[in-house]
Amino acid sequence: MADTLPSECDYLIVGAGASGLAFADSLLAHFPTSEVESSSPKVVIADIHSTPGGQWNDSYSFVRLHQPSAGYGVETEPLEPSSNDQVHLASREEILQYYQNVMNKLEKTHGATFVGNSKVDLSGTKQLDDGTWECQLQQHHGEEILKSIVVKKRLVDARYLQ
């Protein structure tokens, strides 16, 4: 997990829950992993939580999926324990560990960056003369730090009900 924010990226994804990580995973799945530096877009995923998992970080420990695990998660990584298990209902702990593993894989294989304890102020986003976007992030690591990042391609708001 990165404590430092790059000065620019191709994609800034706001929210490291189900939608944000599914978007990042599907986007990066189409780029070869052997040429990370030259082919994969630079992806930064910012979340208000210190770890990936979205609303699962805030749920009660007894909460489980209400659908089979096989129908949940990201494109390239199964959540269910085995391909034969079509009825498994993942627990909160399993889901949080799953999303941590997905983020670790995205960082390792595609150079994605996770910036936790961060809030993106979309109202302060402005388009620059070259067509890029400048976004403000508030990072909370004991004290509040305001940082800027330039987004070259897309700003993806993957938060829900915030």
C-alpha atoms as a PDB file:
ATOM      1  CA  MET A   1       0.000   0.000   0.000  1.00  0.00           C
ATOM      2  CA  ALA A   2       1.327   3.404  -0.915  1.00  0.00           C
ATOM      3  CA  ASP A   3       1.445   6.220   1.572  1.00  0.00           C
ATOM      4  CA  THR A   4       2.669   8.563  -1.136  1.00  0.00           C
ATOM      5  CA  LEU A   5       0.526   9.808  -3.960  1.00  0.00           C
ATOM      6  CA  PRO A   6       1.963   9.947  -7.472  1.00  0.00           C
ATOM      7  CA  SER A   7       1.771  13.388  -9.087  1.00  0.00           C
ATOM      8  CA  GLU A   8      -0.147  11.994 -12.079  1.00  0.00           C
ATOM      9  CA  CYS A   9      -1.984   8.921 -13.322  1.00  0.00           C
ATOM     10  CA  ASP A  10      -4.048   7.736 -16.269  1.00  0.00           C
ATOM     11  CA  TYR A  11      -7.012   6.624 -14.146  1.00  0.00           C
ATOM     12  CA  LEU A  12      -7.986   7.791 -10.674  1.00  0.00           C
ATOM     13  CA  ILE A  13     -10.554   5.450  -9.154  1.00  0.00           C
ATOM     14  CA  VAL A  14     -12.327   6.837  -6.107  1.00  0.00           C
ATOM     15  CA  GLY A  15     -13.442   3.911  -3.967  1.00  0.00           C
ATOM     16  CA  ALA A  16     -11.734   0.557  -3.366  1.00  0.00           C
ATOM     17  CA  GLY A  17     -14.872  -1.520  -2.891  1.00  0.00           C
ATOM     18  CA  ALA A  18     -16.611  -3.944  -5.228  1.00  0.00           C
ATOM     19  CA  SER A  19     -17.150  -1.468  -8.095  1.00  0.00           C
ATOM     20  CA  GLY A  20     -13.778   0.273  -7.939  1.00  0.00           C
ATOM     21  CA  LEU A  21     -11.721  -2.898  -7.788  1.00  0.00           C
ATOM     22  CA  ALA A  22     -13.843  -4.628 -10.446  1.00  0.00           C
ATOM     23  CA  PHE A  23     -13.258  -1.656 -12.771  1.00  0.00           C
ATOM     24  CA  ALA A  24      -9.497  -1.634 -12.115  1.00  0.00           C
ATOM     25  CA  ASP A  25      -9.228  -5.409 -12.492  1.00  0.00           C
ATOM     26  CA  SER A  26     -11.175  -5.500 -15.777  1.00  0.00           C
ATOM     27  CA  LEU A  27      -9.252  -2.530 -17.184  1.00  0.00           C
ATOM     28  CA  LEU A  28      -5.833  -3.933 -16.313  1.00  0.00           C
ATOM     29  CA  ALA A  29      -6.710  -7.524 -17.303  1.00  0.00           C
ATOM     30  CA  HIS A  30      -6.398  -6.455 -20.937  1.00  0.00           C
ATOM     31  CA  PHE A  31      -2.761  -5.398 -20.629  1.00  0.00           C
ATOM     32  CA  PRO A  32       0.143  -7.865 -20.588  1.00  0.00           C
ATOM     33  CA  THR A  33       1.898  -8.171 -17.249  1.00  0.00           C
ATOM     34  CA  SER A  34       5.380  -8.706 -18.713  1.00  0.00           C
ATOM     35  CA  GLU A  35       5.641  -5.108 -19.911  1.00  0.00           C
ATOM     36  CA  VAL A  36       4.244  -3.282 -16.877  1.00  0.00           C
ATOM     37  CA  GLU A  37       6.172  -0.070 -17.392  1.00  0.00           C
ATOM     38  CA  SER A  38       5.376   0.393 -21.069  1.00  0.00           C
ATOM     39  CA  SER A  39       1.869  -0.956 -21.567  1.00  0.00           C
ATOM     40  CA  SER A  40      -0.299  -0.821 -18.439  1.00  0.00           C
ATOM     41  CA  PRO A  41      -2.044   2.454 -17.699  1.00  0.00           C
ATOM     42  CA  LYS A  42      -1.049   4.097 -14.439  1.00  0.00           C
ATOM     43  CA  VAL A  43      -3.959   3.460 -12.061  1.00  0.00           C
ATOM     44  CA  VAL A  44      -4.401   5.046  -8.635  1.00  0.00           C
ATOM     45  CA  ILE A  45      -7.177   3.808  -6.339  1.00  0.00           C
ATOM     46  CA  ALA A  46      -8.042   6.116  -3.443  1.00  0.00           C
ATOM     47  CA  ASP A  47     -10.308   5.152  -0.563  1.00  0.00           C
ATOM     48  CA  ILE A  48     -11.398   6.687   2.710  1.00  0.00           C
ATOM     49  CA  HIS A  49     -10.617   3.392   4.455  1.00  0.00           C
ATOM     50  CA  SER A  50      -7.075   2.271   5.245  1.00  0.00           C
ATOM     51  CA  THR A  51      -7.594  -1.026   3.390  1.00  0.00           C
ATOM     52  CA  PRO A  52      -9.535  -2.103   0.265  1.00  0.00           C
ATOM     53  CA  GLY A  53     -13.030  -3.512   0.702  1.00  0.00           C
ATOM     54  CA  GLY A  54     -15.422  -0.564   0.624  1.00  0.00           C
ATOM     55  CA  GLN A  55     -18.499  -0.958   2.809  1.00  0.00           C
ATOM     56  CA  TRP A  56     -17.259  -4.356   3.997  1.00  0.00           C
ATOM     57  CA  ASN A  57     -14.806  -2.434   6.201  1.00  0.00           C
ATOM     58  CA  ASP A  58     -17.791  -0.973   8.062  1.00  0.00           C
ATOM     59  CA  SER A  59     -20.070  -4.007   8.269  1.00  0.00           C
ATOM     60  CA  TYR A  60     -20.658  -6.181  11.303  1.00  0.00           C
ATOM     61  CA  SER A  61     -18.427  -9.248  11.656  1.00  0.00           C
ATOM     62  CA  PHE A  62     -21.351 -11.683  11.252  1.00  0.00           C
ATOM     63  CA  VAL A  63     -22.436 -10.307   7.840  1.00  0.00           C
ATOM     64  CA  ARG A  64     -22.123 -12.699   4.872  1.00  0.00           C
ATOM     65  CA  LEU A  65     -22.937 -12.541   1.188  1.00  0.00           C
ATOM     66  CA  HIS A  66     -26.596 -13.227   0.383  1.00  0.00           C
ATOM     67  CA  GLN A  67     -25.642 -14.717  -2.966  1.00  0.00           C
ATOM     68  CA  PRO A  68     -23.166 -17.449  -3.884  1.00  0.00           C
ATOM     69  CA  SER A  69     -19.557 -16.266  -3.843  1.00  0.00           C
ATOM     70  CA  ALA A  70     -19.175 -17.463  -7.448  1.00  0.00           C
ATOM     71  CA  GLY A  71     -21.300 -14.494  -8.588  1.00  0.00           C
ATOM     72  CA  TYR A  72     -19.339 -11.852  -6.675  1.00  0.00           C
ATOM     73  CA  GLY A  73     -15.902 -10.321  -7.005  1.00  0.00           C
ATOM     74  CA  VAL A  74     -13.651  -9.306  -9.871  1.00  0.00           C
ATOM     75  CA  GLU A  75     -13.133 -10.733 -13.348  1.00  0.00           C
ATOM     76  CA  THR A  76      -9.748 -12.388 -12.900  1.00  0.00           C
ATOM     77  CA  GLU A  77      -9.883 -13.719  -9.334  1.00  0.00           C
ATOM     78  CA  PRO A  78     -12.497 -16.186  -8.042  1.00  0.00           C
ATOM     79  CA  LEU A  79     -13.913 -15.574  -4.570  1.00  0.00           C
ATOM     80  CA  GLU A  80     -15.304 -19.068  -4.050  1.00  0.00           C
ATOM     81  CA  PRO A  81     -12.866 -21.545  -2.427  1.00  0.00           C
ATOM     82  CA  SER A  82     -13.097 -23.976  -5.361  1.00  0.00           C
ATOM     83  CA  SER A  83     -14.719 -23.997  -8.788  1.00  0.00           C
ATOM     84  CA  ASN A  84     -17.011 -26.830  -7.618  1.00  0.00           C
ATOM     85  CA  ASP A  85     -18.431 -24.770  -4.742  1.00  0.00           C
ATOM     86  CA  GLN A  86     -21.439 -22.947  -6.188  1.00  0.00           C
ATOM     87  CA  VAL A  87     -23.222 -22.378  -2.843  1.00  0.00           C
ATOM     88  CA  HIS A  88     -20.446 -20.852  -0.703  1.00  0.00           C
ATOM     89  CA  LEU A  89     -21.500 -17.585   0.990  1.00  0.00           C
ATOM     90  CA  ALA A  90     -18.345 -15.616   1.816  1.00  0.00           C
ATOM     91  CA  SER A  91     -17.999 -14.021   5.244  1.00  0.00           C
ATOM     92  CA  ARG A  92     -16.941 -10.438   5.881  1.00  0.00           C
ATOM     93  CA  GLU A  93     -13.420 -11.581   6.764  1.00  0.00           C
ATOM     94  CA  GLU A  94     -13.138 -13.652   3.571  1.00  0.00           C
ATOM     95  CA  ILE A  95     -14.287 -10.713   1.448  1.00  0.00           C
ATOM     96  CA  LEU A  96     -11.897  -8.246   3.081  1.00  0.00           C
ATOM     97  CA  GLN A  97      -8.992 -10.655   2.606  1.00  0.00           C
ATOM     98  CA  TYR A  98     -10.105 -11.261  -0.992  1.00  0.00           C
ATOM     99  CA  TYR A  99     -10.088  -7.541  -1.810  1.00  0.00           C
ATOM    100  CA  GLN A 100      -6.695  -7.120  -0.128  1.00  0.00           C
ATOM    101  CA  ASN A 101      -5.360  -9.964  -2.304  1.00  0.00           C
ATOM    102  CA  VAL A 102      -6.868  -8.411  -5.443  1.00  0.00           C
ATOM    103  CA  MET A 103      -5.257  -5.048  -4.645  1.00  0.00           C
ATOM    104  CA  ASN A 104      -1.906  -6.715  -3.941  1.00  0.00           C
ATOM    105  CA  LYS A 105      -2.116  -8.477  -7.317  1.00  0.00           C
ATOM    106  CA  LEU A 106      -2.953  -5.232  -9.149  1.00  0.00           C
ATOM    107  CA  GLU A 107      -0.003  -3.505  -7.481  1.00  0.00           C
ATOM    108  CA  LYS A 108       2.415  -6.329  -8.226  1.00  0.00           C
ATOM    109  CA  THR A 109       1.394  -7.214 -11.781  1.00  0.00           C
ATOM    110  CA  HIS A 110       0.345  -3.814 -13.149  1.00  0.00           C
ATOM    111  CA  GLY A 111       1.918  -1.204 -10.891  1.00  0.00           C
ATOM    112  CA  ALA A 112      -1.435   0.071  -9.584  1.00  0.00           C
ATOM    113  CA  THR A 113      -1.290   2.258  -6.469  1.00  0.00           C
ATOM    114  CA  PHE A 114      -3.652   2.106  -3.488  1.00  0.00           C
ATOM    115  CA  VAL A 115      -3.857   5.266  -1.390  1.00  0.00           C
ATOM    116  CA  GLY A 116      -5.846   4.628   1.771  1.00  0.00           C
ATOM    117  CA  ASN A 117      -7.160   7.060   4.374  1.00  0.00           C
ATOM    118  CA  SER A 118      -7.882   9.462   1.525  1.00  0.00           C
ATOM    119  CA  LYS A 119     -10.916  11.491   0.577  1.00  0.00           C
ATOM    120  CA  VAL A 120     -11.233  12.924  -2.926  1.00  0.00           C
ATOM    121  CA  ASP A 121     -12.960  16.280  -3.160  1.00  0.00           C
ATOM    122  CA  LEU A 122     -14.721  16.051  -6.532  1.00  0.00           C
ATOM    123  CA  SER A 123     -16.135  19.573  -6.170  1.00  0.00           C
ATOM    124  CA  GLY A 124     -12.588  20.918  -6.411  1.00  0.00           C
ATOM    125  CA  THR A 125     -11.745  19.013  -9.592  1.00  0.00           C
ATOM    126  CA  LYS A 126     -10.790  21.259 -12.489  1.00  0.00           C
ATOM    127  CA  GLN A 127      -9.990  20.645 -16.128  1.00  0.00           C
ATOM    128  CA  LEU A 128      -6.594  21.927 -17.209  1.00  0.00           C
ATOM    129  CA  ASP A 129      -5.744  23.486 -20.583  1.00  0.00           C
ATOM    130  CA  ASP A 130      -4.248  20.234 -21.901  1.00  0.00           C
ATOM    131  CA  GLY A 131      -7.488  18.300 -21.265  1.00  0.00           C
ATOM    132  CA  THR A 132      -6.285  16.568 -18.107  1.00  0.00           C
ATOM    133  CA  TRP A 133      -7.968  16.896 -14.716  1.00  0.00           C
ATOM    134  CA  GLU A 134      -6.515  18.073 -11.432  1.00  0.00           C
ATOM    135  CA  CYS A 135      -8.027  16.480  -8.332  1.00  0.00           C
ATOM    136  CA  GLN A 136      -7.532  17.218  -4.652  1.00  0.00           C
ATOM    137  CA  LEU A 137      -7.090  14.431  -2.111  1.00  0.00           C
ATOM    138  CA  GLN A 138      -7.218  14.830   1.628  1.00  0.00           C
ATOM    139  CA  GLN A 139      -5.056  12.209   3.294  1.00  0.00           C
ATOM    140  CA  HIS A 140      -5.549  11.438   6.971  1.00  0.00           C
ATOM    141  CA  HIS A 141      -2.441  10.030   8.657  1.00  0.00           C
ATOM    142  CA  GLY A 142      -2.712  11.608  12.088  1.00  0.00           C
ATOM    143  CA  GLU A 143      -2.931  15.011  10.436  1.00  0.00           C
ATOM    144  CA  GLU A 144      -4.800  16.124   7.346  1.00  0.00           C
ATOM    145  CA  ILE A 145      -2.641  16.617   4.268  1.00  0.00           C
ATOM    146  CA  LEU A 146      -3.998  18.068   1.009  1.00  0.00           C
ATOM    147  CA  LYS A 147      -2.402  16.727  -2.169  1.00  0.00           C
ATOM    148  CA  SER A 148      -3.041  17.140  -5.890  1.00  0.00           C
ATOM    149  CA  ILE A 149      -2.965  14.562  -8.659  1.00  0.00           C
ATOM    150  CA  VAL A 150      -3.313  15.118 -12.406  1.00  0.00           C
ATOM    151  CA  VAL A 151      -5.557  12.558 -14.147  1.00  0.00           C
ATOM    152  CA  LYS A 152      -4.739  12.078 -17.836  1.00  0.00           C
ATOM    153  CA  LYS A 153      -7.594   9.845 -19.019  1.00  0.00           C
ATOM    154  CA  ARG A 154     -10.492   9.192 -16.629  1.00  0.00           C
ATOM    155  CA  LEU A 155     -11.680   9.995 -13.151  1.00  0.00           C
ATOM    156  CA  VAL A 156     -13.889   7.103 -12.002  1.00  0.00           C
ATOM    157  CA  ASP A 157     -16.214   7.691  -9.028  1.00  0.00           C
ATOM    158  CA  ALA A 158     -16.837   4.179  -7.721  1.00  0.00           C
ATOM    159  CA  ARG A 159     -18.305   5.217  -4.379  1.00  0.00           C
ATOM    160  CA  TYR A 160     -21.834   4.333  -3.455  1.00  0.00           C
ATOM    161  CA  LEU A 161     -24.086   6.518  -1.315  1.00  0.00           C
ATOM    162  CA  GLN A 162     -21.399   8.971  -0.306  1.00  0.00           C
END
